[in-house]
């Protein structure tokens, strides 16, 4: 087995690179400056994916559960990983992302994918997230942590 860690934090100096790589891999929208600057970025040491966590955008505040500390996560697999039908969310990555979010004080973790996001198979993503305990809502899916 490879001695490298499976999931690694992306150093601050490489976050722009990680965002541009995610976009080049087909992430369905431009990744915002806010996400690059304020996100906590991860990469999979085998090169199969990139993910990031951050606080929900202030514009979404009225739509989220009031008083529940939350984080949002995004991710994308590399084209090679997607060709192999490998998923960014696996039991291993779910445990890591959820545990890390909880360690930061989050009680709820969101994957914000509104139904009408262009280029995103929202219904399929919601079904997949449901396998990991996420509940679909009007914004995408969420999971309460620590249960």
Protein backbone atom coordinates (compact mmCIF):
# COMPACT_ATOMS: atom_id res chain seq x y z
CA UNK A 1 0.00 0.00 0.00
CA UNK A 2 1.19 3.50 -0.81
CA UNK A 3 2.57 5.20 2.31
CA UNK A 4 1.24 8.61 1.25
CA UNK A 5 -1.87 9.94 2.91
CA UNK A 6 -5.01 9.46 0.87
CA UNK A 7 -6.35 12.96 1.52
CA UNK A 8 -4.00 15.93 1.85
CA UNK A 9 -4.61 19.57 2.65
CA UNK A 10 -3.75 21.80 -0.29
CA UNK A 11 -1.21 24.40 0.87
CA UNK A 12 -2.54 27.98 0.79
CA UNK A 13 -0.15 28.87 -2.02
CA UNK A 14 -1.67 26.14 -4.22
CA UNK A 15 -5.39 26.86 -3.72
CA UNK A 16 -5.65 28.90 -6.94
CA UNK A 17 -3.99 26.04 -8.81
CA UNK A 18 -6.45 23.56 -7.24
CA UNK A 19 -9.44 25.72 -8.20
CA UNK A 20 -8.25 26.08 -11.79
CA UNK A 21 -7.61 22.34 -11.99
CA UNK A 22 -11.14 21.62 -10.71
CA UNK A 23 -12.52 23.95 -13.39
CA UNK A 24 -10.36 22.31 -16.06
CA UNK A 25 -11.72 18.93 -14.95
CA UNK A 26 -15.24 20.19 -15.69
CA UNK A 27 -16.53 21.71 -12.47
CA UNK A 28 -19.83 23.17 -13.72
CA UNK A 29 -19.26 26.79 -12.75
CA UNK A 30 -16.44 29.23 -12.11
CA UNK A 31 -15.00 28.82 -8.63
CA UNK A 32 -15.27 32.14 -6.83
CA UNK A 33 -12.45 34.16 -5.35
CA UNK A 34 -14.21 33.76 -2.00
CA UNK A 35 -14.02 29.96 -2.31
CA UNK A 36 -10.32 30.10 -3.18
CA UNK A 37 -9.45 32.49 -0.38
CA UNK A 38 -11.72 31.19 2.39
CA UNK A 39 -12.07 27.53 1.52
CA UNK A 40 -10.20 24.64 3.06
CA UNK A 41 -8.93 22.72 0.07
CA UNK A 42 -8.08 19.01 -0.11
CA UNK A 43 -6.66 16.80 -2.81
CA UNK A 44 -6.54 13.07 -3.07
CA UNK A 45 -2.94 11.92 -3.10
CA UNK A 46 -3.59 9.58 -6.02
CA UNK A 47 -4.67 12.57 -8.16
CA UNK A 48 -8.27 11.37 -8.41
CA UNK A 49 -10.05 14.39 -6.97
CA UNK A 50 -10.22 17.77 -5.30
CA UNK A 51 -12.67 18.94 -2.62
CA UNK A 52 -13.16 22.06 -0.53
CA UNK A 53 -15.10 23.15 2.54
CA UNK A 54 -16.23 26.64 3.43
CA UNK A 55 -18.87 28.62 5.25
CA UNK A 56 -22.12 29.13 3.34
CA UNK A 57 -22.26 32.34 1.32
CA UNK A 58 -24.02 35.11 3.26
CA UNK A 59 -26.68 35.30 0.51
CA UNK A 60 -27.82 31.79 1.49
CA UNK A 61 -28.11 32.55 5.22
CA UNK A 62 -31.89 33.02 5.20
CA UNK A 63 -32.39 29.71 3.41
CA UNK A 64 -30.36 27.54 5.81
CA UNK A 65 -31.45 26.23 9.20
CA UNK A 66 -31.21 29.17 11.62
CA UNK A 67 -28.79 28.75 14.51
CA UNK A 68 -27.23 25.56 13.14
CA UNK A 69 -23.49 25.98 12.47
CA UNK A 70 -22.96 24.72 8.95
CA UNK A 71 -20.33 24.24 6.29
CA UNK A 72 -20.70 23.59 2.58
CA UNK A 73 -18.54 21.18 0.64
CA UNK A 74 -17.83 20.85 -3.06
CA UNK A 75 -15.70 18.44 -5.01
CA UNK A 76 -14.87 16.94 -8.36
CA UNK A 77 -13.11 13.84 -9.54
CA UNK A 78 -10.44 13.89 -12.19
CA UNK A 79 -11.49 12.92 -15.72
CA UNK A 80 -9.54 9.66 -15.35
CA UNK A 81 -11.32 8.87 -12.06
CA UNK A 82 -14.71 9.62 -13.59
CA UNK A 83 -13.87 7.40 -16.55
CA UNK A 84 -13.25 4.59 -14.03
CA UNK A 85 -16.58 5.57 -12.42
CA UNK A 86 -14.74 6.43 -9.21
CA UNK A 87 -16.62 8.90 -7.02
CA UNK A 88 -15.37 11.87 -5.04
CA UNK A 89 -17.67 10.77 -2.24
CA UNK A 90 -16.77 7.33 -0.96
CA UNK A 91 -16.99 5.85 2.52
CA UNK A 92 -13.40 6.98 3.10
CA UNK A 93 -13.80 10.54 1.85
CA UNK A 94 -17.20 10.92 3.53
CA UNK A 95 -15.70 9.98 6.89
CA UNK A 96 -12.87 12.45 6.38
CA UNK A 97 -14.95 15.41 5.14
CA UNK A 98 -17.68 14.92 7.74
CA UNK A 99 -15.19 14.45 10.57
CA UNK A 100 -13.17 17.47 9.51
CA UNK A 101 -16.29 19.64 9.23
CA UNK A 102 -17.43 18.51 12.66
CA UNK A 103 -14.00 19.27 14.13
CA UNK A 104 -14.45 22.84 12.86
CA UNK A 105 -17.72 23.14 14.78
CA UNK A 106 -20.19 22.36 12.01
CA UNK A 107 -23.37 20.60 13.02
CA UNK A 108 -24.65 20.39 9.45
CA UNK A 109 -22.85 19.77 6.17
CA UNK A 110 -24.40 20.92 2.90
CA UNK A 111 -23.89 20.02 -0.70
CA UNK A 112 -25.64 22.97 -2.33
CA UNK A 113 -26.93 21.93 -5.72
CA UNK A 114 -30.21 23.67 -6.58
CA UNK A 115 -32.39 21.76 -9.06
CA UNK A 116 -31.71 24.15 -11.91
CA UNK A 117 -27.91 24.29 -11.77
CA UNK A 118 -26.84 24.16 -15.45
CA UNK A 119 -24.72 21.17 -16.38
CA UNK A 120 -25.23 19.35 -13.08
CA UNK A 121 -27.27 16.15 -12.75
CA UNK A 122 -28.83 17.37 -9.49
CA UNK A 123 -31.31 14.51 -9.11
CA UNK A 124 -28.58 11.89 -9.55
CA UNK A 125 -26.33 13.70 -7.09
CA UNK A 126 -29.12 13.83 -4.51
CA UNK A 127 -29.77 10.10 -4.89
CA UNK A 128 -26.07 9.39 -4.46
CA UNK A 129 -25.77 11.66 -1.39
CA UNK A 130 -28.81 9.92 0.14
CA UNK A 131 -26.72 6.72 0.31
CA UNK A 132 -24.48 8.58 2.76
CA UNK A 133 -27.30 9.88 4.95
CA UNK A 134 -27.90 13.23 3.25
CA UNK A 135 -31.43 14.63 3.11
CA UNK A 136 -32.57 16.45 -0.04
CA UNK A 137 -33.99 19.95 0.27
CA UNK A 138 -34.61 22.91 -2.03
CA UNK A 139 -30.91 23.87 -1.98
CA UNK A 140 -29.41 20.46 -2.56
CA UNK A 141 -28.68 18.03 0.25
CA UNK A 142 -27.50 18.22 3.84
CA UNK A 143 -26.37 15.89 6.58
CA UNK A 144 -26.56 16.54 10.31
CA UNK A 145 -23.22 15.70 11.87
CA UNK A 146 -22.49 13.99 15.16
CA UNK A 147 -25.43 11.63 15.04
